[in-house]
Protein backbone atom coordinates (compact mmCIF):
# COMPACT_ATOMS: atom_id res chain seq x y z
CA MET A 1 0.04 0.01 0.21
CA LYS A 2 1.48 3.59 -0.93
CA PRO A 3 -0.29 6.42 0.55
CA ARG A 4 -1.05 9.17 -2.30
CA THR A 5 0.40 12.66 -0.99
CA ASN A 6 -0.98 16.16 -1.89
CA GLN A 7 1.83 18.20 -2.43
CA SER A 8 1.71 22.06 -3.13
CA ARG A 9 1.73 23.34 -6.96
CA SER A 10 5.42 24.16 -6.85
CA GLU A 11 6.74 20.93 -5.20
CA ARG A 12 4.42 18.37 -7.16
CA SER A 13 5.84 15.86 -9.90
CA PRO A 14 5.42 12.34 -11.02
CA GLU A 15 7.79 11.31 -9.11
CA LEU A 16 6.41 11.90 -5.94
CA ARG A 17 3.06 11.44 -6.24
CA THR A 18 3.41 7.89 -4.17
CA ILE A 19 5.85 7.42 -1.12
CA ASP A 20 7.42 4.21 -0.21
CA VAL A 21 6.04 3.25 3.14
CA ARG A 22 9.22 1.44 4.16
CA LEU A 23 10.92 4.90 3.72
CA LEU A 24 8.09 6.33 5.94
CA GLN A 25 8.78 3.97 8.67
CA THR A 26 12.54 4.45 8.56
CA LEU A 27 11.78 8.24 9.24
CA PHE A 28 9.46 7.38 12.02
CA ASP A 29 11.75 4.67 13.43
CA LEU A 30 14.09 8.13 14.07
CA THR A 31 10.92 10.03 16.29
CA PRO A 32 10.59 8.05 19.75
CA ASP A 33 8.00 10.25 20.64
CA VAL A 34 5.54 9.55 18.12
CA ALA A 35 4.35 5.99 17.37
CA PHE A 36 3.53 5.92 13.32
CA PHE A 37 1.14 3.22 11.77
CA ILE A 38 -0.47 2.21 8.36
CA LYS A 39 -3.48 -0.25 8.75
CA ASP A 40 -5.51 -1.67 5.89
CA ALA A 41 -9.09 -1.74 5.24
CA GLU A 42 -10.44 -3.34 8.24
CA GLY A 43 -7.98 -1.84 10.84
CA ARG A 44 -5.07 -4.09 10.88
CA TYR A 45 -1.42 -2.79 11.11
CA VAL A 46 0.56 -3.13 7.92
CA THR A 47 3.53 -1.02 9.00
CA VAL A 48 4.51 0.05 12.51
CA ASN A 49 7.52 2.34 14.09
CA GLU A 50 9.80 1.34 16.68
CA SER A 51 8.29 3.69 19.04
CA LEU A 52 4.84 2.09 18.62
CA LEU A 53 6.21 -1.31 19.00
CA ALA A 54 7.86 -0.42 22.76
CA ARG A 55 4.76 1.20 23.86
CA HIS A 56 3.30 -1.77 23.67
CA GLY A 57 6.34 -4.00 24.84
CA LEU A 58 6.28 -5.51 22.04
CA LYS A 59 9.89 -6.86 20.35
CA ARG A 60 9.49 -7.35 16.79
CA PRO A 61 7.06 -5.61 13.81
CA SER A 62 5.54 -9.39 13.19
CA ASP A 63 4.02 -8.85 16.63
CA ALA A 64 1.50 -5.97 15.50
CA ILE A 65 1.16 -6.75 11.91
CA GLY A 66 -2.20 -8.23 11.09
CA LYS A 67 -3.76 -7.21 14.15
CA ARG A 68 -5.96 -4.52 15.61
CA PRO A 69 -5.33 -2.41 18.42
CA GLN A 70 -7.56 -4.11 20.58
CA GLU A 71 -5.58 -7.54 20.03
CA ILE A 72 -2.32 -6.16 21.24
CA CYS A 73 -3.61 -3.97 24.20
CA PRO A 74 -5.69 -4.26 26.98
CA GLY A 75 -9.13 -2.53 27.68
CA ASP A 76 -10.12 0.63 26.68
CA PHE A 77 -6.45 1.31 25.61
CA GLY A 78 -7.25 -0.97 22.73
CA ARG A 79 -10.85 -0.65 22.46
CA ILE A 80 -11.30 2.92 21.79
CA PRO A 81 -8.51 3.28 18.73
CA THR A 82 -10.27 -0.09 17.15
CA GLU A 83 -13.66 2.13 17.13
CA GLN A 84 -11.99 5.25 16.16
CA ASP A 85 -10.39 3.19 13.16
CA ARG A 86 -13.56 1.97 12.23
CA ARG A 87 -15.16 5.47 12.23
CA VAL A 88 -12.20 6.66 9.75
CA LEU A 89 -12.48 3.98 7.69
CA VAL A 90 -16.73 4.25 7.20
CA THR A 91 -16.73 7.77 7.09
CA GLY A 92 -13.56 8.69 5.53
CA ASP A 93 -13.57 11.61 7.99
CA PRO A 94 -9.76 11.94 9.77
CA LEU A 95 -8.92 12.50 13.59
CA LEU A 96 -6.98 15.58 13.94
CA ASP A 97 -4.66 15.97 17.09
CA HIS A 98 -7.07 13.82 19.13
CA LEU A 99 -5.85 14.35 22.95
CA GLU A 100 -6.13 11.06 24.67
CA LEU A 101 -4.63 8.53 26.69
CA GLN A 102 -2.59 5.95 25.26
CA TRP A 103 -0.54 2.98 26.92
CA HIS A 104 2.81 2.68 27.64
CA ARG A 105 4.84 0.04 28.76
CA PRO A 106 6.32 -0.99 31.39
CA ARG A 107 5.46 2.79 32.18
CA GLU A 108 1.74 4.33 33.43
CA PRO A 109 -0.08 5.53 30.35
CA VAL A 110 0.71 8.95 28.68
CA TRP A 111 -1.03 11.60 26.64
CA CYS A 112 -0.65 11.61 23.49
CA LEU A 113 -2.05 13.55 20.36
CA THR A 114 -3.46 11.16 17.96
CA THR A 115 -4.01 11.90 14.46
CA LYS A 116 -5.86 9.71 11.83
CA LEU A 117 -5.97 10.10 7.77
CA PRO A 118 -7.67 7.79 5.44
CA LEU A 119 -6.02 6.33 2.68
CA ARG A 120 -7.50 6.19 -0.81
CA ASP A 121 -6.82 4.52 -4.14
CA ASP A 122 -7.04 6.10 -7.56
CA ALA A 123 -10.98 5.51 -7.43
CA GLY A 124 -11.01 7.52 -4.04
CA ARG A 125 -12.17 4.13 -2.29
CA ILE A 126 -10.88 4.29 1.15
CA VAL A 127 -8.28 1.46 1.28
CA GLY A 128 -6.81 2.12 4.79
CA LEU A 129 -5.16 5.06 7.03
CA ILE A 130 -2.19 6.33 8.32
CA GLY A 131 -1.51 7.89 11.00
CA PHE A 132 0.67 8.64 14.38
CA SER A 133 0.49 9.72 18.10
CA ARG A 134 3.00 12.20 19.08
CA ASP A 135 3.27 12.55 22.96
CA VAL A 136 2.20 16.07 24.31
CA ARG A 137 4.56 18.90 23.92
CA ASP A 138 5.88 18.50 27.71
CA TYR A 139 5.48 15.21 29.85
CA VAL A 140 2.18 15.09 31.70
CA ARG A 141 1.13 12.50 34.27
CA PRO A 142 -1.86 11.05 33.60
CA GLY A 143 -3.73 12.73 36.75
CA GLU A 144 -2.79 16.20 35.87
CA ILE A 145 -4.90 15.99 32.89
CA PRO A 146 -9.00 15.82 34.23
CA GLU A 147 -10.93 13.92 31.97
CA SER A 148 -13.26 16.78 31.58
CA PHE A 149 -11.07 18.71 29.98
CA ALA A 150 -10.24 15.66 27.51
CA ARG A 151 -13.85 15.37 26.95
CA VAL A 152 -14.68 19.06 26.68
CA VAL A 153 -11.69 19.05 23.78
CA ALA A 154 -13.28 16.21 22.13
CA GLU A 155 -16.92 17.53 22.10
CA PHE A 156 -15.33 20.55 20.56
CA GLU A 157 -13.15 19.06 17.64
CA HIS A 158 -16.50 16.68 17.14
CA ASP A 159 -18.43 19.73 16.90
CA PRO A 160 -16.90 23.19 16.34
CA SER A 161 -20.22 24.75 15.15
CA ARG A 162 -20.82 24.88 18.93
CA ALA A 163 -20.83 28.30 20.86
CA PHE A 164 -17.30 27.88 22.45
CA SER A 165 -15.17 30.63 24.58
CA PRO A 166 -11.92 30.01 26.31
CA ALA A 167 -14.56 30.92 29.55
CA ALA A 168 -16.95 28.28 27.94
CA LEU A 169 -14.13 25.92 27.83
CA ALA A 170 -13.21 26.58 31.17
CA ASP A 171 -16.65 26.11 32.94
CA ARG A 172 -17.34 23.00 30.80
CA SER A 173 -14.18 21.47 32.12
CA ARG A 174 -14.84 22.35 35.33
CA LEU A 175 -11.29 24.34 35.64
CA SER A 176 -10.95 27.88 36.30
CA SER A 177 -9.22 30.03 33.62
CA PRO A 178 -5.56 30.22 34.25
CA ARG A 179 -5.30 26.32 34.42
CA LEU A 180 -7.04 25.93 31.53
CA ALA A 181 -4.77 28.23 29.89
CA ARG A 182 -1.54 26.38 31.20
CA LEU A 183 -2.99 22.86 30.65
CA ILE A 184 -3.61 23.99 26.34
CA LYS A 185 -0.47 25.67 26.45
CA ARG A 186 1.46 22.64 27.45
CA VAL A 187 -0.59 20.40 25.33
CA TYR A 188 -1.26 22.23 22.07
CA GLY A 189 1.66 25.03 22.68
CA LEU A 190 -1.47 27.81 22.01
CA THR A 191 -3.27 30.00 24.11
CA PRO A 192 -7.31 29.19 24.60
CA SER A 193 -8.47 31.45 21.74
CA GLN A 194 -5.72 29.89 19.53
CA PHE A 195 -6.86 26.33 19.83
CA ILE A 196 -10.55 27.51 19.60
CA VAL A 197 -9.39 29.12 15.72
CA LYS A 198 -7.33 25.97 15.02
CA THR A 199 -9.84 23.52 15.37
CA ARG A 200 -12.36 25.76 13.70
CA ILE A 201 -10.03 26.59 10.84
CA THR A 202 -8.93 22.81 10.68
CA THR A 203 -12.63 21.44 9.82
CA GLY A 204 -12.90 24.43 7.52
CA SER A 205 -10.37 23.61 5.55
CA ARG A 206 -11.29 19.75 5.48
CA LEU A 207 -14.71 20.55 4.54
CA LEU A 208 -13.56 22.56 1.62
CA ARG A 209 -11.39 20.22 0.46
CA GLU A 210 -13.50 17.01 0.86
CA THR A 211 -17.29 18.36 0.72
CA ASN A 212 -19.52 20.21 -2.21
CA GLN A 213 -21.15 22.43 0.64
CA SER A 214 -21.52 25.72 0.14
CA ILE A 215 -18.96 28.16 2.13
CA ALA A 216 -22.10 29.82 4.09
CA GLU A 217 -22.78 26.09 5.18
CA ILE A 218 -18.91 25.38 6.05
CA ALA A 219 -18.75 28.60 8.09
CA GLN A 220 -21.98 28.09 10.48
CA ARG A 221 -20.59 24.37 10.70
CA CYS A 222 -17.44 25.53 12.28
CA GLY A 223 -18.90 27.82 14.53
CA TYR A 224 -19.10 31.18 12.54
CA HIS A 225 -22.33 33.69 12.37
CA ASP A 226 -21.83 34.47 8.91
CA GLN A 227 -19.75 33.62 6.02
CA SER A 228 -17.98 37.30 6.07
CA ALA A 229 -16.30 36.35 9.53
CA PHE A 230 -15.19 32.60 8.53
CA THR A 231 -13.49 34.54 5.29
CA ARG A 232 -11.75 37.04 7.93
CA ALA A 233 -10.84 34.19 10.38
CA PHE A 234 -9.44 31.74 6.93
CA ARG A 235 -8.00 34.34 5.37
CA SER A 236 -5.86 35.43 8.62
CA THR A 237 -4.61 31.81 9.40
CA THR A 238 -3.88 30.93 5.81
CA SER A 239 -3.73 34.03 3.81
CA LEU A 240 -6.28 32.49 1.73
CA THR A 241 -10.12 33.27 1.26
CA PRO A 242 -11.81 30.11 1.46
CA SER A 243 -12.62 30.04 -2.40
CA GLU A 244 -9.05 30.32 -3.32
CA TYR A 245 -8.48 27.48 -0.98
CA ARG A 246 -10.89 25.44 -2.16
CA ARG A 247 -9.88 25.99 -5.99
CA ARG A 248 -6.21 25.96 -5.11
CA GLU A 249 -6.79 22.04 -3.42
CA ARG A 250 -9.08 21.10 -6.21
CA THR A 251 -6.53 21.80 -8.98
CA ALA A 252 -3.72 20.24 -6.83
CA LYS A 253 -5.73 17.33 -6.83
CA GLN A 254 -6.66 16.72 -10.09
CA ALA A 255 -3.41 16.99 -11.48
CA ILE A 256 -2.07 14.44 -9.26
CA GLU A 257 -4.80 12.03 -10.35
CA ARG A 258 -3.80 12.50 -14.17
């Protein structure tokens, strides 16, 4: 399985339309704070790096290849990622910078930010997924991040159309505003306001790439009251209007598929 990779117009070339997964594995073997993986359409590991093996106490890739997370990790630490994989493979919706606890033998679980993207063949069919889990910016003991905080962040990432402000995040997490700010800074390297904007614009970018919804509809789904507010925020973050971004991405996709 070779993942298709999108490149900017200036970087695109026929030779780089696909990248050998062995090269990716070699690259991620050099990043001990990142667990890298590729899985097939059934959610079974196809490629893993050394860090993923170490986190699960496995000695060789064959201990993980052909298995799902629930087959190599106990309890919720195996069940939850297996369910995540199923959602990505069925819906095609990516999982982006999702905050979660992961198993890390022989130590206690650690907080990670997990990203999973669907892999598609030339016909657009989902044939697997690729992703990684990276340790949060600073080491944080499991008890230092309240479950209420992780739950509220997950709810907002799932539905950024809801009215979320730094004060609302703190209130729903049952945290003081200063503690919320410290947590978000440690985990994401952002202020609460920056985190909210990042989440909304990340969702908007995906919807612009992957759907035919109008920009006004996408603005509403991302929590903006009108299209002009979304356009201002999007241009401030990406230096492009939503329309310009959509045209660029579609042109790049068409060129890659030729």
